N, C-alpha and C. Protein backbone atom coordinates (compact mmCIF):
# COMPACT_ATOMS: atom_id res chain seq x y z
N MET A 1 0.84 -1.18 0.00
CA MET A 1 0.00 0.00 0.00
C MET A 1 0.88 1.24 0.00
N VAL A 2 0.51 2.20 -0.79
CA VAL A 2 1.27 3.45 -0.87
C VAL A 2 0.85 4.35 0.30
N PRO A 3 1.82 4.79 1.10
CA PRO A 3 1.48 5.67 2.23
C PRO A 3 0.85 6.97 1.73
N GLU A 4 0.00 7.53 2.55
CA GLU A 4 -0.70 8.77 2.18
C GLU A 4 0.25 9.93 1.93
N ASN A 5 1.41 9.93 2.61
CA ASN A 5 2.31 11.06 2.46
C ASN A 5 2.97 11.13 1.09
N VAL A 6 2.92 10.06 0.29
CA VAL A 6 3.50 10.11 -1.07
C VAL A 6 2.42 10.00 -2.16
N HIS A 7 1.17 9.91 -1.75
CA HIS A 7 0.07 9.79 -2.72
C HIS A 7 0.04 10.99 -3.67
N ASP A 8 0.13 12.19 -3.12
CA ASP A 8 0.10 13.40 -3.96
C ASP A 8 1.33 13.47 -4.86
N PHE A 9 2.47 13.00 -4.37
CA PHE A 9 3.68 12.97 -5.19
C PHE A 9 3.45 12.13 -6.43
N PHE A 10 2.91 10.92 -6.25
CA PHE A 10 2.69 10.04 -7.38
C PHE A 10 1.63 10.58 -8.34
N MET A 11 0.63 11.27 -7.81
CA MET A 11 -0.38 11.88 -8.66
C MET A 11 0.26 12.97 -9.54
N THR A 12 1.08 13.79 -8.93
CA THR A 12 1.75 14.86 -9.67
C THR A 12 2.76 14.31 -10.66
N SER A 13 3.53 13.31 -10.24
CA SER A 13 4.56 12.76 -11.13
C SER A 13 3.93 12.01 -12.30
N GLY A 14 2.78 11.39 -12.09
CA GLY A 14 2.08 10.74 -13.21
C GLY A 14 1.66 11.76 -14.26
N ALA A 15 1.14 12.89 -13.80
CA ALA A 15 0.74 13.95 -14.74
C ALA A 15 1.95 14.53 -15.45
N ALA A 16 3.03 14.74 -14.71
CA ALA A 16 4.25 15.29 -15.32
C ALA A 16 4.83 14.32 -16.35
N ALA A 17 4.85 13.04 -16.01
CA ALA A 17 5.39 12.04 -16.94
C ALA A 17 4.57 11.99 -18.22
N GLY A 18 3.25 12.06 -18.10
CA GLY A 18 2.40 12.07 -19.29
C GLY A 18 2.69 13.27 -20.18
N ALA A 19 2.84 14.43 -19.57
CA ALA A 19 3.13 15.65 -20.33
C ALA A 19 4.51 15.56 -20.99
N LEU A 20 5.49 15.05 -20.28
CA LEU A 20 6.84 14.94 -20.84
C LEU A 20 6.90 13.92 -21.97
N ILE A 21 6.15 12.85 -21.86
CA ILE A 21 6.10 11.88 -22.96
C ILE A 21 5.49 12.52 -24.20
N GLY A 22 4.44 13.32 -24.01
CA GLY A 22 3.85 14.04 -25.14
C GLY A 22 4.84 14.98 -25.80
N LEU A 23 5.58 15.72 -25.00
CA LEU A 23 6.60 16.62 -25.56
C LEU A 23 7.72 15.84 -26.24
N LEU A 24 8.06 14.69 -25.70
CA LEU A 24 9.08 13.86 -26.32
C LEU A 24 8.62 13.37 -27.68
N PHE A 25 7.35 13.02 -27.80
CA PHE A 25 6.81 12.60 -29.11
C PHE A 25 6.96 13.72 -30.13
N VAL A 26 6.71 14.95 -29.70
CA VAL A 26 6.86 16.09 -30.60
C VAL A 26 8.32 16.24 -31.02
N ALA A 27 9.24 16.14 -30.05
CA ALA A 27 10.67 16.27 -30.36
C ALA A 27 11.13 15.17 -31.31
N ILE A 28 10.65 13.97 -31.11
CA ILE A 28 11.03 12.85 -31.97
C ILE A 28 10.45 13.03 -33.37
N SER A 29 9.21 13.49 -33.46
CA SER A 29 8.61 13.67 -34.78
C SER A 29 9.31 14.79 -35.57
N VAL A 30 9.79 15.81 -34.87
CA VAL A 30 10.51 16.89 -35.54
C VAL A 30 11.85 16.40 -36.07
N SER A 31 12.48 15.47 -35.34
CA SER A 31 13.79 14.97 -35.76
C SER A 31 13.71 13.58 -36.36
N ALA A 32 12.57 13.21 -36.92
CA ALA A 32 12.38 11.86 -37.47
C ALA A 32 13.38 11.55 -38.58
N GLY A 33 13.69 12.52 -39.43
CA GLY A 33 14.66 12.29 -40.50
C GLY A 33 16.03 11.93 -39.97
N ARG A 34 16.41 12.58 -38.90
CA ARG A 34 17.71 12.30 -38.28
C ARG A 34 17.74 10.91 -37.67
N LEU A 35 16.62 10.45 -37.13
CA LEU A 35 16.55 9.13 -36.51
C LEU A 35 16.62 8.00 -37.53
N GLU A 36 16.17 8.25 -38.74
CA GLU A 36 16.11 7.21 -39.77
C GLU A 36 17.45 6.97 -40.46
N GLN A 37 18.38 7.87 -40.33
CA GLN A 37 19.67 7.72 -41.01
C GLN A 37 20.42 6.50 -40.48
N ARG A 38 21.34 6.00 -41.29
CA ARG A 38 22.15 4.84 -40.91
C ARG A 38 23.57 5.27 -40.55
N THR A 39 23.70 6.30 -39.72
CA THR A 39 25.00 6.79 -39.32
C THR A 39 25.21 6.51 -37.83
N VAL A 40 26.45 6.67 -37.40
CA VAL A 40 26.77 6.49 -35.99
C VAL A 40 26.04 7.53 -35.14
N ASP A 41 26.02 8.77 -35.60
CA ASP A 41 25.31 9.81 -34.86
C ASP A 41 23.82 9.52 -34.75
N ALA A 42 23.23 8.98 -35.80
CA ALA A 42 21.81 8.64 -35.76
C ALA A 42 21.55 7.51 -34.77
N ARG A 43 22.48 6.56 -34.69
CA ARG A 43 22.33 5.48 -33.71
C ARG A 43 22.35 6.05 -32.29
N LEU A 44 23.28 6.94 -32.02
CA LEU A 44 23.32 7.58 -30.70
C LEU A 44 22.05 8.39 -30.44
N HIS A 45 21.55 9.04 -31.48
CA HIS A 45 20.32 9.82 -31.37
C HIS A 45 19.15 8.90 -31.01
N ARG A 46 19.08 7.73 -31.64
CA ARG A 46 18.01 6.77 -31.33
C ARG A 46 18.13 6.26 -29.90
N ILE A 47 19.35 6.01 -29.45
CA ILE A 47 19.55 5.55 -28.07
C ILE A 47 19.11 6.63 -27.09
N ARG A 48 19.43 7.87 -27.38
CA ARG A 48 19.01 8.98 -26.50
C ARG A 48 17.49 9.09 -26.45
N ALA A 49 16.85 8.99 -27.60
CA ALA A 49 15.38 9.06 -27.65
C ALA A 49 14.77 7.91 -26.87
N SER A 50 15.29 6.72 -27.06
CA SER A 50 14.77 5.54 -26.36
C SER A 50 15.02 5.63 -24.86
N ALA A 51 16.18 6.13 -24.47
CA ALA A 51 16.48 6.26 -23.04
C ALA A 51 15.53 7.24 -22.37
N SER A 52 15.28 8.35 -23.03
CA SER A 52 14.36 9.34 -22.49
C SER A 52 12.96 8.75 -22.37
N PHE A 53 12.52 8.09 -23.42
CA PHE A 53 11.20 7.47 -23.40
C PHE A 53 11.10 6.41 -22.30
N THR A 54 12.12 5.57 -22.18
CA THR A 54 12.12 4.52 -21.16
C THR A 54 12.05 5.11 -19.76
N ALA A 55 12.83 6.15 -19.50
CA ALA A 55 12.82 6.78 -18.17
C ALA A 55 11.46 7.39 -17.86
N PHE A 56 10.87 8.07 -18.85
CA PHE A 56 9.56 8.69 -18.62
C PHE A 56 8.45 7.65 -18.46
N VAL A 57 8.48 6.59 -19.25
CA VAL A 57 7.46 5.54 -19.13
C VAL A 57 7.59 4.84 -17.78
N ASN A 58 8.81 4.64 -17.34
CA ASN A 58 9.02 4.04 -16.02
C ASN A 58 8.35 4.90 -14.95
N ALA A 59 8.62 6.20 -14.99
CA ALA A 59 8.03 7.13 -14.01
C ALA A 59 6.51 7.13 -14.12
N LEU A 60 5.99 7.10 -15.35
CA LEU A 60 4.54 7.11 -15.55
C LEU A 60 3.89 5.84 -15.01
N ALA A 61 4.44 4.69 -15.36
CA ALA A 61 3.84 3.42 -14.93
C ALA A 61 3.87 3.28 -13.41
N VAL A 62 5.00 3.55 -12.81
CA VAL A 62 5.09 3.42 -11.35
C VAL A 62 4.14 4.40 -10.68
N SER A 63 4.09 5.62 -11.17
CA SER A 63 3.22 6.63 -10.56
C SER A 63 1.75 6.27 -10.69
N LEU A 64 1.33 5.85 -11.88
CA LEU A 64 -0.09 5.55 -12.07
C LEU A 64 -0.53 4.30 -11.31
N PHE A 65 0.28 3.26 -11.35
CA PHE A 65 -0.10 2.05 -10.64
C PHE A 65 -0.05 2.22 -9.13
N SER A 66 0.74 3.17 -8.64
CA SER A 66 0.78 3.42 -7.21
C SER A 66 -0.54 4.04 -6.73
N LEU A 67 -1.29 4.64 -7.65
CA LEU A 67 -2.56 5.27 -7.29
C LEU A 67 -3.73 4.29 -7.27
N VAL A 68 -3.52 3.11 -7.84
CA VAL A 68 -4.57 2.09 -7.84
C VAL A 68 -4.66 1.50 -6.44
N PRO A 69 -5.86 1.44 -5.86
CA PRO A 69 -5.98 0.88 -4.51
C PRO A 69 -5.47 -0.57 -4.45
N GLY A 70 -4.86 -0.90 -3.34
CA GLY A 70 -4.29 -2.23 -3.17
C GLY A 70 -2.78 -2.18 -3.23
N HIS A 71 -2.19 -3.32 -3.37
CA HIS A 71 -0.73 -3.43 -3.36
C HIS A 71 -0.22 -3.58 -4.78
N LYS A 72 -0.21 -2.49 -5.54
CA LYS A 72 0.18 -2.53 -6.95
C LYS A 72 1.57 -2.00 -7.24
N ILE A 73 2.12 -1.17 -6.35
CA ILE A 73 3.38 -0.51 -6.66
C ILE A 73 4.55 -1.49 -6.70
N GLY A 74 4.56 -2.50 -5.83
CA GLY A 74 5.65 -3.47 -5.81
C GLY A 74 5.76 -4.25 -7.11
N PRO A 75 4.68 -4.94 -7.52
CA PRO A 75 4.75 -5.68 -8.78
C PRO A 75 5.02 -4.78 -9.98
N THR A 76 4.45 -3.59 -9.99
CA THR A 76 4.69 -2.66 -11.09
C THR A 76 6.15 -2.25 -11.15
N ALA A 77 6.73 -1.92 -10.02
CA ALA A 77 8.14 -1.52 -9.98
C ALA A 77 9.03 -2.65 -10.49
N VAL A 78 8.71 -3.89 -10.13
CA VAL A 78 9.50 -5.04 -10.58
C VAL A 78 9.38 -5.23 -12.08
N VAL A 79 8.17 -5.22 -12.60
CA VAL A 79 7.95 -5.47 -14.03
C VAL A 79 8.56 -4.35 -14.88
N VAL A 80 8.33 -3.10 -14.50
CA VAL A 80 8.86 -1.99 -15.27
C VAL A 80 10.39 -1.96 -15.20
N ALA A 81 10.94 -2.33 -14.05
CA ALA A 81 12.41 -2.40 -13.93
C ALA A 81 12.97 -3.47 -14.87
N CYS A 82 12.27 -4.59 -15.00
CA CYS A 82 12.72 -5.64 -15.93
C CYS A 82 12.73 -5.12 -17.37
N PHE A 83 11.66 -4.44 -17.77
CA PHE A 83 11.63 -3.86 -19.11
C PHE A 83 12.75 -2.83 -19.28
N GLY A 84 13.01 -2.04 -18.25
CA GLY A 84 14.10 -1.08 -18.30
C GLY A 84 15.45 -1.76 -18.46
N LEU A 85 15.65 -2.87 -17.78
CA LEU A 85 16.91 -3.60 -17.90
C LEU A 85 17.06 -4.21 -19.30
N PHE A 86 15.95 -4.63 -19.91
CA PHE A 86 16.01 -5.10 -21.30
C PHE A 86 16.45 -3.97 -22.23
N PHE A 87 15.93 -2.76 -21.98
CA PHE A 87 16.36 -1.60 -22.77
C PHE A 87 17.85 -1.36 -22.59
N VAL A 88 18.33 -1.43 -21.35
CA VAL A 88 19.75 -1.21 -21.07
C VAL A 88 20.59 -2.23 -21.83
N LEU A 89 20.16 -3.48 -21.82
CA LEU A 89 20.89 -4.53 -22.53
C LEU A 89 20.92 -4.24 -24.04
N ALA A 90 19.77 -3.89 -24.60
CA ALA A 90 19.69 -3.61 -26.04
C ALA A 90 20.54 -2.39 -26.41
N SER A 91 20.49 -1.35 -25.59
CA SER A 91 21.28 -0.14 -25.87
C SER A 91 22.77 -0.43 -25.76
N SER A 92 23.14 -1.21 -24.78
CA SER A 92 24.56 -1.57 -24.63
C SER A 92 25.05 -2.35 -25.83
N MET A 93 24.23 -3.27 -26.31
CA MET A 93 24.59 -4.04 -27.49
C MET A 93 24.72 -3.12 -28.71
N SER A 94 23.84 -2.15 -28.83
CA SER A 94 23.90 -1.20 -29.94
C SER A 94 25.18 -0.38 -29.88
N LEU A 95 25.56 0.06 -28.68
CA LEU A 95 26.80 0.81 -28.54
C LEU A 95 28.02 -0.06 -28.85
N LEU A 96 27.99 -1.31 -28.43
CA LEU A 96 29.11 -2.21 -28.69
C LEU A 96 29.26 -2.52 -30.18
N ARG A 97 28.15 -2.55 -30.90
CA ARG A 97 28.23 -2.78 -32.35
C ARG A 97 28.90 -1.63 -33.06
N SER A 98 28.82 -0.45 -32.50
CA SER A 98 29.46 0.73 -33.08
C SER A 98 30.87 0.83 -32.53
N ARG A 99 31.75 0.09 -33.08
CA ARG A 99 33.11 -0.04 -32.54
C ARG A 99 33.93 1.23 -32.66
N HIS A 100 33.56 2.14 -33.52
CA HIS A 100 34.39 3.32 -33.79
C HIS A 100 33.88 4.57 -33.08
N LEU A 101 33.15 4.40 -32.02
CA LEU A 101 32.58 5.56 -31.34
C LEU A 101 33.56 6.23 -30.38
N GLY A 102 34.35 5.47 -29.68
CA GLY A 102 35.32 6.03 -28.74
C GLY A 102 34.65 6.87 -27.68
N TRP A 103 35.23 8.05 -27.44
CA TRP A 103 34.73 8.94 -26.40
C TRP A 103 33.35 9.51 -26.72
N LYS A 104 32.98 9.47 -27.98
CA LYS A 104 31.68 10.02 -28.39
C LYS A 104 30.53 9.30 -27.68
N ALA A 105 30.72 8.00 -27.46
CA ALA A 105 29.67 7.21 -26.82
C ALA A 105 29.84 7.10 -25.32
N ALA A 106 30.91 7.63 -24.77
CA ALA A 106 31.16 7.49 -23.33
C ALA A 106 30.04 8.14 -22.51
N ARG A 107 29.58 9.29 -22.94
CA ARG A 107 28.49 9.97 -22.23
C ARG A 107 27.21 9.14 -22.29
N ASP A 108 26.93 8.58 -23.46
CA ASP A 108 25.75 7.74 -23.61
C ASP A 108 25.87 6.47 -22.76
N ALA A 109 27.06 5.90 -22.74
CA ALA A 109 27.28 4.70 -21.93
C ALA A 109 27.10 5.01 -20.45
N ALA A 110 27.53 6.19 -20.01
CA ALA A 110 27.36 6.58 -18.61
C ALA A 110 25.88 6.71 -18.25
N PHE A 111 25.09 7.29 -19.16
CA PHE A 111 23.65 7.39 -18.89
C PHE A 111 23.00 6.01 -18.86
N ILE A 112 23.43 5.13 -19.75
CA ILE A 112 22.88 3.78 -19.76
C ILE A 112 23.24 3.06 -18.47
N LEU A 113 24.46 3.22 -18.02
CA LEU A 113 24.87 2.62 -16.76
C LEU A 113 24.04 3.19 -15.61
N GLY A 114 23.82 4.50 -15.63
CA GLY A 114 22.97 5.13 -14.61
C GLY A 114 21.56 4.56 -14.60
N LEU A 115 21.00 4.37 -15.78
CA LEU A 115 19.67 3.76 -15.86
C LEU A 115 19.69 2.33 -15.33
N ALA A 116 20.75 1.60 -15.63
CA ALA A 116 20.85 0.21 -15.14
C ALA A 116 20.84 0.20 -13.61
N VAL A 117 21.59 1.11 -13.00
CA VAL A 117 21.62 1.18 -11.54
C VAL A 117 20.23 1.50 -10.99
N VAL A 118 19.55 2.46 -11.61
CA VAL A 118 18.20 2.83 -11.18
C VAL A 118 17.27 1.62 -11.28
N PHE A 119 17.33 0.90 -12.39
CA PHE A 119 16.42 -0.22 -12.57
C PHE A 119 16.73 -1.39 -11.64
N VAL A 120 17.98 -1.63 -11.34
CA VAL A 120 18.33 -2.70 -10.40
C VAL A 120 17.82 -2.35 -9.00
N ILE A 121 18.05 -1.11 -8.57
CA ILE A 121 17.56 -0.69 -7.25
C ILE A 121 16.04 -0.74 -7.22
N GLN A 122 15.41 -0.29 -8.29
CA GLN A 122 13.94 -0.31 -8.35
C GLN A 122 13.42 -1.74 -8.28
N PHE A 123 14.08 -2.65 -8.97
CA PHE A 123 13.68 -4.06 -8.92
C PHE A 123 13.75 -4.57 -7.48
N CYS A 124 14.86 -4.32 -6.80
CA CYS A 124 15.03 -4.79 -5.42
C CYS A 124 14.01 -4.17 -4.48
N GLU A 125 13.80 -2.88 -4.60
CA GLU A 125 12.83 -2.19 -3.75
C GLU A 125 11.40 -2.64 -4.06
N GLY A 126 11.12 -2.91 -5.35
CA GLY A 126 9.81 -3.42 -5.73
C GLY A 126 9.53 -4.78 -5.12
N VAL A 127 10.55 -5.64 -5.11
CA VAL A 127 10.40 -6.95 -4.47
C VAL A 127 10.15 -6.77 -2.97
N ASP A 128 10.89 -5.83 -2.36
CA ASP A 128 10.71 -5.57 -0.93
C ASP A 128 9.28 -5.11 -0.62
N VAL A 129 8.76 -4.21 -1.44
CA VAL A 129 7.38 -3.74 -1.22
C VAL A 129 6.39 -4.87 -1.47
N TRP A 130 6.66 -5.69 -2.46
CA TRP A 130 5.78 -6.80 -2.80
C TRP A 130 5.73 -7.81 -1.65
N VAL A 131 6.88 -8.11 -1.05
CA VAL A 131 6.95 -9.08 0.04
C VAL A 131 6.49 -8.48 1.36
N HIS A 132 6.83 -7.21 1.60
CA HIS A 132 6.46 -6.52 2.84
C HIS A 132 5.60 -5.31 2.51
N PRO A 133 4.33 -5.49 2.18
CA PRO A 133 3.50 -4.37 1.71
C PRO A 133 3.24 -3.28 2.75
N ASP A 134 3.48 -3.55 4.02
CA ASP A 134 3.21 -2.53 5.03
C ASP A 134 4.39 -1.60 5.28
N GLY A 135 5.56 -1.94 4.75
CA GLY A 135 6.74 -1.08 4.94
C GLY A 135 6.69 0.11 3.98
N SER A 136 7.08 1.28 4.47
CA SER A 136 7.02 2.47 3.62
C SER A 136 8.39 2.90 3.13
N GLY A 137 9.46 2.37 3.68
CA GLY A 137 10.81 2.77 3.28
C GLY A 137 11.09 2.48 1.82
N ALA A 138 10.70 1.30 1.35
CA ALA A 138 10.94 0.94 -0.05
C ALA A 138 10.10 1.81 -0.98
N VAL A 139 8.89 2.17 -0.56
CA VAL A 139 8.05 3.03 -1.39
C VAL A 139 8.69 4.41 -1.51
N ASP A 140 9.26 4.90 -0.43
CA ASP A 140 9.96 6.19 -0.48
C ASP A 140 11.15 6.12 -1.44
N THR A 141 11.87 5.01 -1.41
CA THR A 141 13.00 4.84 -2.32
C THR A 141 12.52 4.80 -3.77
N ILE A 142 11.43 4.11 -4.02
CA ILE A 142 10.86 4.06 -5.38
C ILE A 142 10.46 5.47 -5.83
N ALA A 143 9.90 6.25 -4.92
CA ALA A 143 9.54 7.63 -5.26
C ALA A 143 10.78 8.44 -5.65
N MET A 144 11.87 8.25 -4.94
CA MET A 144 13.12 8.94 -5.29
C MET A 144 13.64 8.47 -6.65
N LEU A 145 13.48 7.20 -6.95
CA LEU A 145 13.90 6.67 -8.25
C LEU A 145 13.06 7.26 -9.39
N VAL A 146 11.80 7.54 -9.11
CA VAL A 146 10.96 8.21 -10.10
C VAL A 146 11.53 9.60 -10.41
N VAL A 147 11.96 10.31 -9.38
CA VAL A 147 12.57 11.63 -9.59
C VAL A 147 13.85 11.48 -10.42
N ILE A 148 14.66 10.49 -10.11
CA ILE A 148 15.90 10.26 -10.87
C ILE A 148 15.58 9.93 -12.32
N CYS A 149 14.53 9.15 -12.56
CA CYS A 149 14.12 8.85 -13.94
C CYS A 149 13.73 10.12 -14.68
N PHE A 150 13.04 11.03 -13.99
CA PHE A 150 12.71 12.31 -14.62
C PHE A 150 13.98 13.06 -15.01
N LEU A 151 14.95 13.11 -14.12
CA LEU A 151 16.18 13.84 -14.40
C LEU A 151 16.95 13.21 -15.56
N ILE A 152 17.03 11.90 -15.58
CA ILE A 152 17.71 11.21 -16.68
C ILE A 152 16.95 11.45 -17.99
N GLY A 153 15.63 11.32 -17.94
CA GLY A 153 14.82 11.53 -19.15
C GLY A 153 14.95 12.94 -19.70
N VAL A 154 14.96 13.92 -18.83
CA VAL A 154 15.09 15.31 -19.28
C VAL A 154 16.48 15.54 -19.88
N ALA A 155 17.51 14.99 -19.23
CA ALA A 155 18.87 15.16 -19.76
C ALA A 155 19.02 14.52 -21.13
N ARG A 156 18.46 13.33 -21.31
CA ARG A 156 18.53 12.66 -22.61
C ARG A 156 17.72 13.42 -23.65
N ALA A 157 16.55 13.94 -23.26
CA ALA A 157 15.73 14.71 -24.20
C ALA A 157 16.44 16.00 -24.60
N TRP A 158 17.15 16.63 -23.65
CA TRP A 158 17.89 17.85 -23.95
C TRP A 158 18.94 17.57 -25.02
N GLU A 159 19.65 16.46 -24.89
CA GLU A 159 20.64 16.10 -25.90
C GLU A 159 19.97 15.70 -27.21
N LEU A 160 18.79 15.10 -27.12
CA LEU A 160 18.05 14.69 -28.31
C LEU A 160 17.71 15.89 -29.19
N ILE A 161 17.30 16.99 -28.55
CA ILE A 161 16.92 18.16 -29.34
C ILE A 161 18.13 19.02 -29.71
N GLY A 162 19.30 18.62 -29.26
CA GLY A 162 20.51 19.37 -29.61
C GLY A 162 20.76 20.56 -28.73
N GLY A 163 20.28 20.48 -27.48
CA GLY A 163 20.52 21.56 -26.54
C GLY A 163 22.00 21.75 -26.28
N PRO A 164 22.41 22.97 -25.99
CA PRO A 164 23.85 23.22 -25.79
C PRO A 164 24.38 22.51 -24.55
N ARG A 165 25.65 22.10 -24.65
CA ARG A 165 26.33 21.46 -23.52
C ARG A 165 27.40 22.41 -23.02
N ILE A 166 27.34 22.70 -21.76
CA ILE A 166 28.39 23.50 -21.13
C ILE A 166 28.85 22.69 -19.94
N GLY A 167 30.01 22.09 -20.08
CA GLY A 167 30.55 21.29 -19.01
C GLY A 167 31.83 21.89 -18.48
N LEU A 168 32.13 21.63 -17.23
CA LEU A 168 33.30 22.21 -16.59
C LEU A 168 34.58 21.76 -17.29
N VAL A 169 34.71 20.48 -17.59
CA VAL A 169 35.92 19.98 -18.23
C VAL A 169 36.10 20.63 -19.60
N ARG A 170 35.02 20.71 -20.36
CA ARG A 170 35.09 21.32 -21.69
C ARG A 170 35.47 22.79 -21.61
N GLU A 171 34.89 23.50 -20.66
CA GLU A 171 35.16 24.93 -20.53
C GLU A 171 36.59 25.20 -20.07
N VAL A 172 37.08 24.41 -19.13
CA VAL A 172 38.47 24.58 -18.68
C VAL A 172 39.42 24.28 -19.83
N SER A 173 39.14 23.22 -20.58
CA SER A 173 39.97 22.86 -21.72
C SER A 173 39.98 23.97 -22.77
N ALA A 174 38.81 24.52 -23.06
CA ALA A 174 38.72 25.62 -24.03
C ALA A 174 39.47 26.84 -23.53
N TYR A 175 39.36 27.13 -22.25
CA TYR A 175 40.07 28.28 -21.68
C TYR A 175 41.57 28.09 -21.80
N LEU A 176 42.06 26.90 -21.47
CA LEU A 176 43.49 26.63 -21.54
C LEU A 176 44.02 26.67 -22.97
N GLN A 177 43.14 26.35 -23.93
CA GLN A 177 43.54 26.38 -25.33
C GLN A 177 43.37 27.75 -25.95
N GLY A 178 42.85 28.70 -25.19
CA GLY A 178 42.73 30.07 -25.66
C GLY A 178 41.50 30.34 -26.51
N GLU A 179 40.47 29.50 -26.44
CA GLU A 179 39.26 29.75 -27.21
C GLU A 179 38.51 30.92 -26.63
N THR A 180 37.88 31.70 -27.50
CA THR A 180 37.04 32.81 -27.06
C THR A 180 35.62 32.28 -26.88
N ALA A 181 34.76 33.13 -26.37
CA ALA A 181 33.37 32.73 -26.15
C ALA A 181 32.67 32.35 -27.44
N GLY A 182 33.08 32.90 -28.56
CA GLY A 182 32.48 32.59 -29.84
C GLY A 182 32.98 31.30 -30.46
N GLY A 183 33.95 30.66 -29.83
CA GLY A 183 34.45 29.40 -30.36
C GLY A 183 35.77 29.50 -31.08
N GLY A 184 36.19 30.72 -31.40
CA GLY A 184 37.47 30.91 -32.07
C GLY A 184 38.61 31.00 -31.08
N VAL A 185 39.82 31.06 -31.59
CA VAL A 185 40.99 31.17 -30.73
C VAL A 185 41.30 32.64 -30.53
N ASP A 186 41.53 33.03 -29.29
CA ASP A 186 41.87 34.40 -28.95
C ASP A 186 43.26 34.72 -29.48
N PRO A 187 43.39 35.71 -30.42
CA PRO A 187 44.71 35.98 -31.00
C PRO A 187 45.72 36.47 -29.97
N GLY A 188 45.26 37.04 -28.86
CA GLY A 188 46.17 37.55 -27.85
C GLY A 188 46.59 36.48 -26.84
N ALA A 189 45.98 35.32 -26.95
CA ALA A 189 46.29 34.26 -25.98
C ALA A 189 47.62 33.63 -26.34
N GLY A 190 48.34 33.26 -25.35
CA GLY A 190 49.61 32.58 -25.54
C GLY A 190 49.40 31.15 -25.95
N PRO A 191 50.46 30.39 -26.13
CA PRO A 191 50.31 29.00 -26.49
C PRO A 191 49.64 28.21 -25.39
N ALA A 192 48.94 27.18 -25.80
CA ALA A 192 48.24 26.35 -24.82
C ALA A 192 49.26 25.61 -23.95
N ALA A 193 48.96 25.54 -22.66
CA ALA A 193 49.88 24.87 -21.74
C ALA A 193 49.58 23.41 -21.64
């Protein structure tokens, strides 16, 4: 049984997940041509789209089934985590088939690994709730995993639409190499150290 103190959370997260899935459909339909290409970048683009969709569907399913009276959140968390792990396996295989990706796929591999960790924890916590339906600790953990799925889904969707990346390592590297804010090299900058 879902404790009353997280009922409103799951109601809100279910609505948010539904809205985000709708927006993701729009983003995917706008970039459909890019997804159909047979290039390495298109493969990464498909993995990003699928990862975002998987994270949002996970959050939606767990949230909606938690609102159904009875003990539904445990079995739902287990089943959805299994589907998520199948996605992780398929995405990993897709990345491994692209042998020439190098560092380009490292970020995608990190997100896939993050999703795998989320789904394994969700599976374990779902089993705990299923076996001990009166405990609320596992339900709270599942609620936190829903939040993490939202964050992963949004990050993947941001990359899917081509949102700008500003990372500390990249910015420090650019600064040391004398790049200006516009992307060019500052003529007054000395040699890179």
